[in-house]
Amino acid sequence: MPKNNYKDALNHKIFDYLSEAADELQIETYAIGGFVRDYFLNRGKAEDIDVVAVGNGIELAEKVAEKLPGKPKVQIFKTYGTAMLKVFDLEVEFVGARKESYNENSRNPEVEQGTLEDDQNRRDFTINALALQLNKNNFGKLLDPFGGLEDLKMQLIKTPLDPDITYSDDPLRMMRAIRFAAQLGFKIEPKSLKAIKDNASRIDIVSNERIVTEIHKIMLADKPSVGFKIMHNTGLLKRILPELTNLEGIDEIDGQKHKDNFWHTLEVVDNIALETDDLWLRWAALLHDIGKAPTKRFSKRVGWTFHGHEFKGSKMVFQIFKRLKMPLNDKMKYVQKLVLLSSRPIAIVDDDVTDSAVRRLVFDAGEYLEDLMTLCEADITTKNPNRYRKYHNNFKLVRQKIQEVEERDRIRDFQPPVKGQEIMDTFGIAPCKEVGEIKSKIKEAILDGEIPNEYEAAFEFMLKEGEKLGLTPKK
């Protein structure tokens, strides 16, 4: 097979239909972008394919659909001049070759029909401009006008044209460059990196939703810190997540210092990435210390303190999610809870800590207890091997204490042994504040170890509390 011919990349049956339809319509047709890039990177089975037609992409999509078994429906997006087919567990997106021009205040270009060269010029990176021809006569021929194949070998992120123009035109490409660097372990070439730094302020015209999509992909990389370091060094991070960059720096007074909580945070995110692919647990790691910047204080008696940083941080989580247009639902509440509880487990290491403290931790963490422990263990970033070993051994003791209390008191999925309806029935009362008070007293008594988490003990306790409130059981 000639070096510039890669028919083996096109061995999926969808390409037979694409080739036949393209030749019937006499339209030059190419697979382009991520599908081609990932073939050369051996990144496994494709889930989507971008097809560019030097002509009418929608017409091509409809011709392919006619030939496919079952004649699947073509989704047409007239505004963008694109079409999509879902077939054979693939999403195939069709677009006509085009050229683009931008105005300063929008990343949405003016689009007009163009040549394949125009279309490759508008691509974000050389590695995404690689195209494989699908027409029968040149099936599998590689078109690589910008040396994208060589950049893949060199593991380099580089723009086809002047990076200053590329990033200014569509500033989201800066986030995409950083995302690819993080996902693929590539370097951004120096000229391109400088252009990101020079155009950092242009990110302000990009919607928060689009930015967050890229941050999620960076967060899910094997080593998320790669992306966050580049975002920080280019000035993007302080425009997107200033709460994070505010953690940077070490202050010293009277010879007393604190650690740099920004760089510590990136280590924690990398640590947790070794343990879980859960996006929201990784978000909790990223935000677990954000309350430290606004709560930092110094006193000669105790040195640097960050009192209440967990509570402050949990409030900041809501503000960040709201500003970035992230979901204000159970995902946000999950991150809030882990940030709020992030220092609690280590506090129950000491031998003199009561079972009550353990019960309260288990009760407060509930179904998130295991995730909380994973976060706390990821928070150990000391480089001193003895301290590292000591901290991990401490967490083994914490887990042991939790298990002992859990087995005995069944607190994690706590349900009050006596329900509100039974309180009302027992005392012959309607819903009122006294019912809530009694329920709360029962819960506190169980958590404090005054009574076991059992129905009989809770019922007796309810009667006594009711009596204190002037209530009399029905005969």
Protein backbone atom coordinates (compact mmCIF):
# COMPACT_ATOMS: atom_id res chain seq x y z
CA MET A 1 0.00 0.00 0.00
CA PRO A 2 1.44 3.44 -0.89
CA LYS A 3 2.55 5.49 2.11
CA ASN A 4 -0.09 8.15 1.46
CA ASN A 5 -2.93 5.64 1.14
CA TYR A 6 -4.69 4.43 4.28
CA LYS A 7 -7.55 2.21 3.13
CA ASP A 8 -7.28 0.21 6.35
CA ALA A 9 -8.55 3.26 8.24
CA LEU A 10 -11.77 3.02 6.22
CA ASN A 11 -12.67 -0.61 6.76
CA HIS A 12 -15.99 0.10 8.51
CA LYS A 13 -18.96 -0.75 6.24
CA ILE A 14 -20.30 2.82 6.46
CA PHE A 15 -17.50 3.93 4.13
CA ASP A 16 -18.78 1.67 1.33
CA TYR A 17 -22.08 3.57 1.40
CA LEU A 18 -20.33 6.95 1.67
CA SER A 19 -18.04 6.19 -1.28
CA GLU A 20 -20.86 4.95 -3.50
CA ALA A 21 -23.10 7.96 -2.73
CA ALA A 22 -20.25 10.44 -3.25
CA ASP A 23 -19.41 9.00 -6.67
CA GLU A 24 -23.05 8.95 -7.78
CA LEU A 25 -23.37 12.63 -6.90
CA GLN A 26 -19.89 13.33 -8.28
CA ILE A 27 -18.97 15.12 -5.04
CA GLU A 28 -15.43 15.06 -3.68
CA THR A 29 -15.85 13.61 -0.20
CA TYR A 30 -13.46 13.18 2.74
CA ALA A 31 -13.40 11.83 6.27
CA ILE A 32 -11.73 14.55 8.31
CA GLY A 33 -10.89 15.64 11.83
CA GLY A 34 -11.03 13.52 14.96
CA PHE A 35 -11.78 10.20 13.25
CA VAL A 36 -8.65 10.46 11.10
CA ARG A 37 -6.51 11.81 13.95
CA ASP A 38 -7.57 9.00 16.29
CA TYR A 39 -6.86 6.36 13.64
CA PHE A 40 -3.22 7.46 13.54
CA LEU A 41 -3.11 7.58 17.33
CA ASN A 42 -4.59 4.07 17.65
CA ARG A 43 -7.21 5.41 20.05
CA GLY A 44 -9.65 2.55 19.53
CA LYS A 45 -13.11 2.24 18.04
CA ALA A 46 -14.62 5.42 16.57
CA GLU A 47 -17.99 6.66 17.78
CA ASP A 48 -18.38 9.58 15.38
CA ILE A 49 -17.13 10.50 11.92
CA ASP A 50 -16.97 13.97 10.36
CA VAL A 51 -17.50 13.97 6.60
CA VAL A 52 -16.78 17.03 4.46
CA ALA A 53 -18.21 17.29 0.96
CA VAL A 54 -16.89 19.71 -1.64
CA GLY A 55 -20.46 20.54 -2.50
CA ASN A 56 -23.75 19.98 -0.71
CA GLY A 57 -23.22 18.00 2.50
CA ILE A 58 -26.94 17.70 3.25
CA GLU A 59 -27.59 16.24 -0.22
CA LEU A 60 -24.81 13.71 0.35
CA ALA A 61 -26.29 12.70 3.73
CA GLU A 62 -29.68 12.11 2.14
CA LYS A 63 -28.16 10.00 -0.66
CA VAL A 64 -26.28 7.87 1.89
CA ALA A 65 -29.49 7.40 3.92
CA GLU A 66 -31.31 6.17 0.79
CA LYS A 67 -28.75 3.41 0.38
CA LEU A 68 -28.58 2.31 4.01
CA PRO A 69 -30.69 -0.59 5.34
CA GLY A 70 -33.90 0.76 6.85
CA LYS A 71 -33.30 4.19 5.28
CA PRO A 72 -32.54 6.00 8.58
CA LYS A 73 -33.82 9.53 9.13
CA VAL A 74 -31.40 12.35 8.36
CA GLN A 75 -31.23 15.09 10.99
CA ILE A 76 -30.76 18.40 9.19
CA PHE A 77 -29.45 21.58 10.83
CA LYS A 78 -30.15 24.21 8.20
CA THR A 79 -28.71 27.08 10.23
CA TYR A 80 -25.30 25.42 10.17
CA GLY A 81 -25.64 23.70 6.80
CA THR A 82 -24.95 20.33 8.41
CA ALA A 83 -26.68 16.96 8.64
CA MET A 84 -26.32 13.91 10.84
CA LEU A 85 -26.99 10.20 10.46
CA LYS A 86 -27.02 7.75 13.36
CA VAL A 87 -26.19 4.34 11.96
CA PHE A 88 -24.17 1.23 12.93
CA ASP A 89 -23.53 2.69 16.44
CA LEU A 90 -21.95 5.72 14.79
CA GLU A 91 -22.84 9.38 14.50
CA VAL A 92 -21.86 10.57 11.01
CA GLU A 93 -21.91 14.34 10.57
CA PHE A 94 -21.95 15.84 7.07
CA VAL A 95 -20.92 19.38 6.13
CA GLY A 96 -20.16 21.12 2.89
CA ALA A 97 -16.61 22.45 2.51
CA ARG A 98 -16.63 26.07 3.56
CA LYS A 99 -14.58 29.10 4.37
CA GLU A 100 -15.21 31.34 7.34
CA SER A 101 -14.75 34.97 8.32
CA TYR A 102 -15.17 36.40 11.82
CA ASN A 103 -16.02 39.72 13.42
CA GLU A 104 -14.39 40.83 16.65
CA ASN A 105 -17.35 40.43 19.02
CA SER A 106 -18.49 36.92 18.14
CA ARG A 107 -17.02 33.46 17.67
CA ASN A 108 -19.83 32.64 15.22
CA PRO A 109 -18.38 33.05 11.73
CA GLU A 110 -19.85 34.23 8.46
CA VAL A 111 -19.81 31.07 6.31
CA GLU A 112 -19.70 30.59 2.57
CA GLN A 113 -19.11 27.63 0.29
CA GLY A 114 -15.45 26.83 -0.23
CA THR A 115 -12.88 24.34 -1.41
CA LEU A 116 -11.33 21.51 0.57
CA GLU A 117 -8.31 23.79 1.04
CA ASP A 118 -10.58 26.48 2.52
CA ASP A 119 -12.11 23.89 4.84
CA GLN A 120 -8.74 22.60 6.04
CA ASN A 121 -7.55 26.19 6.57
CA ARG A 122 -10.43 26.83 8.98
CA ARG A 123 -9.60 23.78 11.14
CA ASP A 124 -8.33 24.47 14.64
CA PHE A 125 -5.18 22.31 14.63
CA THR A 126 -2.98 20.60 12.07
CA ILE A 127 -3.76 17.21 13.62
CA ASN A 128 -7.48 17.87 13.02
CA ALA A 129 -7.00 18.96 9.40
CA LEU A 130 -5.97 15.47 8.24
CA ALA A 131 -8.40 14.16 5.59
CA LEU A 132 -8.89 10.78 3.92
CA GLN A 133 -10.61 10.76 0.51
CA LEU A 134 -13.68 8.54 0.18
CA ASN A 135 -14.21 8.64 -3.62
CA LYS A 136 -13.47 5.31 -5.28
CA ASN A 137 -10.61 6.52 -7.51
CA ASN A 138 -8.56 7.86 -4.59
CA PHE A 139 -10.10 5.88 -1.74
CA GLY A 140 -7.96 6.20 1.37
CA LYS A 141 -5.67 8.93 0.01
CA LEU A 142 -4.35 11.18 2.79
CA LEU A 143 -4.47 14.95 2.35
CA ASP A 144 -2.19 16.57 4.89
CA PRO A 145 -1.39 20.15 3.77
CA PHE A 146 -0.06 21.32 7.15
CA GLY A 147 2.11 18.41 8.25
CA GLY A 148 -0.42 17.15 10.76
CA LEU A 149 0.93 13.60 10.56
CA GLU A 150 4.38 14.81 11.53
CA ASP A 151 2.88 16.86 14.39
CA LEU A 152 1.15 13.72 15.61
CA LYS A 153 4.52 11.95 15.67
CA MET A 154 6.10 14.95 17.43
CA GLN A 155 3.10 15.12 19.82
CA LEU A 156 2.57 18.77 19.02
CA ILE A 157 -0.53 21.00 19.09
CA LYS A 158 -0.19 23.57 16.32
CA THR A 159 -2.63 25.71 14.32
CA PRO A 160 -2.77 25.45 10.50
CA LEU A 161 -2.56 29.23 10.06
CA ASP A 162 -1.32 32.11 12.24
CA PRO A 163 -2.26 31.11 15.82
CA ASP A 164 -2.88 34.73 16.79
CA ILE A 165 -5.66 34.94 14.19
CA THR A 166 -6.92 31.39 14.86
CA TYR A 167 -7.40 32.03 18.60
CA SER A 168 -8.69 35.58 18.25
CA ASP A 169 -11.28 34.46 15.67
CA ASP A 170 -12.60 31.63 17.85
CA PRO A 171 -11.25 31.86 21.41
CA LEU A 172 -12.78 28.49 22.36
CA ARG A 173 -9.92 26.99 20.35
CA MET A 174 -7.59 28.04 23.16
CA MET A 175 -9.49 25.76 25.55
CA ARG A 176 -9.53 23.02 22.93
CA ALA A 177 -5.75 23.27 22.49
CA ILE A 178 -5.28 22.89 26.24
CA ARG A 179 -7.80 20.05 26.37
CA PHE A 180 -5.98 18.12 23.63
CA ALA A 181 -2.66 18.71 25.40
CA ALA A 182 -4.17 17.25 28.59
CA GLN A 183 -6.00 14.34 26.92
CA LEU A 184 -3.23 13.29 24.55
CA GLY A 185 -0.18 14.29 26.60
CA PHE A 186 0.94 16.61 23.76
CA LYS A 187 2.82 19.91 23.95
CA ILE A 188 1.44 23.17 22.58
CA GLU A 189 4.07 24.61 20.25
CA PRO A 190 5.69 27.82 21.65
CA LYS A 191 4.25 30.25 19.08
CA SER A 192 0.78 28.85 19.69
CA LEU A 193 1.23 28.98 23.48
CA LYS A 194 2.26 32.65 23.29
CA ALA A 195 -0.80 33.39 21.15
CA ILE A 196 -3.06 31.84 23.81
CA LYS A 197 -1.44 34.06 26.44
CA ASP A 198 -1.81 37.14 24.21
CA ASN A 199 -5.47 36.38 23.46
CA ALA A 200 -6.55 35.19 26.93
CA SER A 201 -8.97 38.10 27.36
CA ARG A 202 -10.84 36.97 24.23
CA ILE A 203 -12.19 33.98 26.20
CA ASP A 204 -14.72 36.43 27.68
CA ILE A 205 -16.83 36.27 24.49
CA VAL A 206 -17.26 32.48 24.77
CA SER A 207 -20.32 31.13 26.58
CA ASN A 208 -19.70 29.56 29.96
CA GLU A 209 -21.45 26.38 28.81
CA ARG A 210 -18.88 25.85 26.03
CA ILE A 211 -15.98 26.61 28.37
CA VAL A 212 -17.28 24.16 30.98
CA THR A 213 -17.59 21.41 28.35
CA GLU A 214 -13.85 21.74 27.73
CA ILE A 215 -13.05 21.93 31.46
CA HIS A 216 -14.98 18.68 31.99
CA LYS A 217 -12.84 16.99 29.35
CA ILE A 218 -9.66 18.36 30.96
CA MET A 219 -10.94 17.17 34.33
CA LEU A 220 -11.46 13.66 32.97
CA ALA A 221 -7.93 13.40 31.55
CA ASP A 222 -5.56 10.90 33.16
CA LYS A 223 -3.62 13.82 34.67
CA PRO A 224 -5.91 16.86 34.90
CA SER A 225 -3.20 19.13 36.31
CA VAL A 226 -1.58 19.27 32.84
CA GLY A 227 -4.54 21.25 31.53
CA PHE A 228 -4.99 23.41 34.61
CA LYS A 229 -1.30 24.36 34.67
CA ILE A 230 -1.47 25.53 31.05
CA MET A 231 -4.70 27.42 31.76
CA HIS A 232 -2.98 29.07 34.71
CA ASN A 233 0.26 29.91 32.89
CA THR A 234 -1.60 31.47 29.95
CA GLY A 235 -3.89 33.62 32.12
CA LEU A 236 -7.09 31.77 31.21
CA LEU A 237 -7.71 30.20 34.60
CA LYS A 238 -7.91 33.48 36.51
CA ARG A 239 -10.59 34.65 34.07
CA ILE A 240 -12.62 31.45 34.44
CA LEU A 241 -11.95 30.25 38.02
CA PRO A 242 -10.38 33.13 39.98
CA GLU A 243 -11.36 31.36 43.22
CA LEU A 244 -8.76 28.74 42.33
CA THR A 245 -5.92 31.06 41.34
CA ASN A 246 -6.55 33.12 44.50
CA LEU A 247 -5.12 30.15 46.42
CA GLU A 248 -1.69 30.61 44.87
CA GLY A 249 1.20 31.94 46.91
CA ILE A 250 2.93 31.40 50.25
CA ASP A 251 2.80 34.10 52.91
CA GLU A 252 5.38 34.30 55.70
CA ILE A 253 5.13 36.21 58.96
CA ASP A 254 7.57 35.80 61.86
CA GLY A 255 9.13 32.84 60.06
CA GLN A 256 5.80 30.99 59.83
CA LYS A 257 4.54 29.91 56.41
CA HIS A 258 1.57 28.04 54.99
CA LYS A 259 1.64 25.74 51.96
CA ASP A 260 0.71 26.94 48.48
CA ASN A 261 -2.88 25.77 48.33
CA PHE A 262 -3.20 26.22 44.56
CA TRP A 263 -0.43 23.80 43.61
CA HIS A 264 -1.50 21.49 46.43
CA THR A 265 -5.02 21.43 44.92
CA LEU A 266 -3.70 20.35 41.51
CA GLU A 267 -1.82 17.49 43.20
CA VAL A 268 -5.03 16.43 44.96
CA VAL A 269 -6.92 16.37 41.64
CA ASP A 270 -4.20 14.21 40.08
CA ASN A 271 -4.27 11.89 43.10
CA ILE A 272 -8.02 11.42 42.91
CA ALA A 273 -7.82 10.88 39.15
CA LEU A 274 -5.82 7.73 39.92
CA GLU A 275 -8.75 6.40 41.95
CA THR A 276 -11.92 7.46 40.13
CA ASP A 277 -13.38 8.60 36.80
CA ASP A 278 -16.29 10.27 38.59
CA LEU A 279 -16.38 13.81 37.17
CA TRP A 280 -18.13 15.32 40.20
CA LEU A 281 -15.79 13.71 42.71
CA ARG A 282 -12.95 15.24 40.70
CA TRP A 283 -14.75 18.61 40.89
CA ALA A 284 -14.94 18.20 44.67
CA ALA A 285 -11.17 17.66 44.72
CA LEU A 286 -10.63 20.78 42.61
CA LEU A 287 -12.78 22.95 44.88
CA HIS A 288 -12.14 21.38 48.29
CA ASP A 289 -9.84 24.20 49.48
CA ILE A 290 -11.32 27.25 47.73
CA GLY A 291 -12.55 28.62 51.06
CA LYS A 292 -8.96 28.99 52.29
CA ALA A 293 -8.21 32.24 50.46
CA PRO A 294 -11.05 34.26 52.05
CA THR A 295 -10.61 32.68 55.53
CA LYS A 296 -6.80 32.97 55.81
CA ARG A 297 -5.71 34.66 59.05
CA PHE A 298 -2.49 34.99 61.06
CA SER A 299 -2.05 35.23 64.80
CA LYS A 300 1.20 35.12 66.74
CA ARG A 301 -0.24 32.52 69.09
CA VAL A 302 -1.23 29.87 66.53
CA GLY A 303 0.23 31.06 63.20
CA TRP A 304 -1.75 30.70 59.98
CA THR A 305 -5.35 29.51 60.24
CA PHE A 306 -8.20 28.87 57.81
CA HIS A 307 -11.07 28.54 60.28
CA GLY A 308 -14.36 27.65 58.67
CA HIS A 309 -12.86 27.31 55.19
CA GLU A 310 -14.95 24.18 54.52
CA PHE A 311 -18.22 26.01 55.26
CA LYS A 312 -17.12 29.05 53.24
CA GLY A 313 -15.96 26.81 50.39
CA SER A 314 -19.28 24.95 50.24
CA LYS A 315 -21.07 28.30 49.81
CA MET A 316 -18.61 29.28 47.07
CA VAL A 317 -19.39 26.05 45.19
CA PHE A 318 -22.92 27.33 44.58
CA GLN A 319 -21.62 30.71 43.35
CA ILE A 320 -19.17 29.03 40.95
CA PHE A 321 -21.72 26.59 39.56
CA LYS A 322 -24.23 29.39 39.06
CA ARG A 323 -21.74 31.69 37.33
CA LEU A 324 -20.46 28.96 35.02
CA LYS A 325 -24.01 27.80 34.17
CA MET A 326 -23.33 24.38 35.67
CA PRO A 327 -26.18 22.22 37.04
CA LEU A 328 -27.64 23.56 40.30
CA ASN A 329 -29.02 20.15 41.16
CA ASP A 330 -27.91 17.06 43.05
CA LYS A 331 -24.49 17.21 41.33
CA MET A 332 -23.82 20.64 42.82
CA LYS A 333 -25.15 19.55 46.24
CA TYR A 334 -22.87 16.51 46.14
CA VAL A 335 -19.80 18.69 45.52
CA GLN A 336 -20.95 21.11 48.24
CA LYS A 337 -21.33 18.32 50.78
CA LEU A 338 -17.89 16.84 50.09
CA VAL A 339 -16.27 20.28 50.34
CA LEU A 340 -18.12 20.94 53.61
CA LEU A 341 -17.04 17.61 55.13
CA SER A 342 -13.54 17.48 53.61
CA SER A 343 -11.70 17.94 56.94
CA ARG A 344 -13.96 15.86 59.15
CA PRO A 345 -12.54 12.31 58.74
CA ILE A 346 -9.03 13.19 59.93
CA ALA A 347 -10.54 14.73 63.08
CA ILE A 348 -11.71 11.30 64.27
CA VAL A 349 -8.26 9.69 64.21
CA ASP A 350 -7.36 10.34 67.83
CA ASP A 351 -7.99 7.57 70.36
CA ASP A 352 -10.03 9.86 72.59
CA VAL A 353 -12.53 10.73 69.84
CA THR A 354 -15.95 9.45 70.84
CA ASP A 355 -18.17 7.04 68.99
CA SER A 356 -20.62 9.93 68.83
CA ALA A 357 -18.23 11.88 66.56
CA VAL A 358 -17.94 8.85 64.27
CA ARG A 359 -21.72 8.37 64.19
CA ARG A 360 -22.20 12.04 63.26
CA LEU A 361 -19.68 11.80 60.44
CA VAL A 362 -21.39 8.68 59.07
CA PHE A 363 -24.80 10.34 59.42
CA ASP A 364 -23.71 13.61 57.77
CA ALA A 365 -21.84 11.93 54.89
CA GLY A 366 -24.54 9.31 54.31
CA GLU A 367 -24.22 7.64 50.91
CA TYR A 368 -21.20 9.81 50.08
CA LEU A 369 -19.02 8.45 52.90
CA GLU A 370 -16.79 6.31 50.68
CA ASP A 371 -16.29 9.20 48.23
CA LEU A 372 -15.43 11.48 51.14
CA MET A 373 -12.78 9.05 52.36
CA THR A 374 -11.35 8.80 48.82
CA LEU A 375 -11.14 12.61 48.68
CA CYS A 376 -9.45 12.84 52.07
CA GLU A 377 -6.85 10.24 51.14
CA ALA A 378 -6.16 12.09 47.87
CA ASP A 379 -5.59 15.21 49.99
CA ILE A 380 -2.36 13.70 51.36
CA THR A 381 0.35 15.35 49.24
CA THR A 382 3.30 15.44 51.64
CA LYS A 383 6.62 14.45 50.12
CA ASN A 384 7.96 13.23 53.47
CA PRO A 385 7.71 9.41 53.30
CA ASN A 386 7.29 9.02 57.07
CA ARG A 387 4.49 11.58 57.26
CA TYR A 388 2.86 10.12 54.14
CA ARG A 389 2.86 6.66 55.72
CA LYS A 390 1.59 8.04 59.04
CA TYR A 391 -1.34 9.87 57.41
CA HIS A 392 -2.39 6.83 55.38
CA ASN A 393 -2.20 4.63 58.46
CA ASN A 394 -4.36 7.18 60.27
CA PHE A 395 -7.02 6.86 57.58
CA LYS A 396 -6.93 3.08 57.96
CA LEU A 397 -7.80 3.67 61.63
CA VAL A 398 -10.61 6.03 60.60
CA ARG A 399 -12.06 3.42 58.27
CA GLN A 400 -11.81 0.82 61.06
CA LYS A 401 -13.65 3.08 63.52
CA ILE A 402 -16.34 3.80 60.96
CA GLN A 403 -16.83 0.11 60.25
CA GLU A 404 -17.15 -0.72 63.96
CA VAL A 405 -19.74 1.98 64.59
CA GLU A 406 -21.59 1.19 61.35
CA GLU A 407 -21.94 -2.50 62.20
CA ARG A 408 -23.22 -1.69 65.66
CA ASP A 409 -25.42 1.36 65.11
CA ARG A 410 -26.54 1.24 61.43
CA ILE A 411 -26.33 5.01 60.96
CA ARG A 412 -25.39 5.49 57.30
CA ASP A 413 -28.91 5.08 55.89
CA PHE A 414 -30.47 6.42 59.07
CA GLN A 415 -34.27 6.32 59.30
CA PRO A 416 -35.87 7.38 62.59
CA PRO A 417 -37.16 4.26 64.40
CA VAL A 418 -40.27 6.24 65.36
CA LYS A 419 -41.99 8.13 62.56
CA GLY A 420 -43.85 11.43 62.82
CA GLN A 421 -47.24 9.78 62.23
CA GLU A 422 -46.69 7.46 65.20
CA ILE A 423 -45.83 10.43 67.43
CA MET A 424 -49.09 12.14 66.43
CA ASP A 425 -51.11 8.96 66.90
CA THR A 426 -49.52 8.27 70.31
CA PHE A 427 -50.28 11.72 71.71
CA GLY A 428 -53.43 12.39 69.73
CA ILE A 429 -52.11 15.58 68.18
CA ALA A 430 -52.17 17.14 64.70
CA PRO A 431 -48.96 18.14 62.81
CA CYS A 432 -47.17 20.76 64.92
CA LYS A 433 -43.69 21.92 65.95
CA GLU A 434 -43.67 19.49 68.92
CA VAL A 435 -43.64 16.53 66.51
CA GLY A 436 -40.51 17.90 64.83
CA GLU A 437 -38.88 18.57 68.19
CA ILE A 438 -39.45 15.00 69.38
CA LYS A 439 -38.13 13.53 66.11
CA SER A 440 -35.02 15.74 66.38
CA LYS A 441 -34.45 14.72 70.03
CA ILE A 442 -34.68 11.02 69.10
CA LYS A 443 -32.15 11.47 66.29
CA GLU A 444 -29.74 13.39 68.55
CA ALA A 445 -30.05 10.82 71.31
CA ILE A 446 -29.15 8.01 68.90
CA LEU A 447 -26.20 9.94 67.44
CA ASP A 448 -24.96 10.82 70.94
CA GLY A 449 -25.23 7.19 72.03
CA GLU A 450 -27.84 7.87 74.72
CA ILE A 451 -30.12 5.23 73.24
CA PRO A 452 -29.50 2.45 70.70
CA ASN A 453 -30.87 2.78 67.17
CA GLU A 454 -33.81 0.49 67.98
CA TYR A 455 -37.58 0.92 67.99
CA GLU A 456 -38.32 0.03 71.66
CA ALA A 457 -35.66 2.37 73.05
CA ALA A 458 -36.74 5.17 70.71
CA PHE A 459 -40.41 4.72 71.65
CA GLU A 460 -39.66 4.96 75.37
CA PHE A 461 -37.52 8.02 74.74
CA MET A 462 -40.37 9.58 72.73
CA LEU A 463 -42.78 9.14 75.66
CA LYS A 464 -40.37 10.91 78.04
CA GLU A 465 -39.76 13.77 75.64
CA GLY A 466 -43.48 14.15 75.02
CA GLU A 467 -44.06 14.34 78.76
CA LYS A 468 -41.48 17.16 79.02
CA LEU A 469 -43.47 19.07 76.41
CA GLY A 470 -46.71 18.58 78.34
CA LEU A 471 -48.09 15.88 76.05
CA THR A 472 -50.06 12.90 77.35
CA PRO A 473 -50.30 9.55 75.53
CA LYS A 474 -53.79 8.52 74.42
CA LYS A 475 -55.23 5.74 76.54
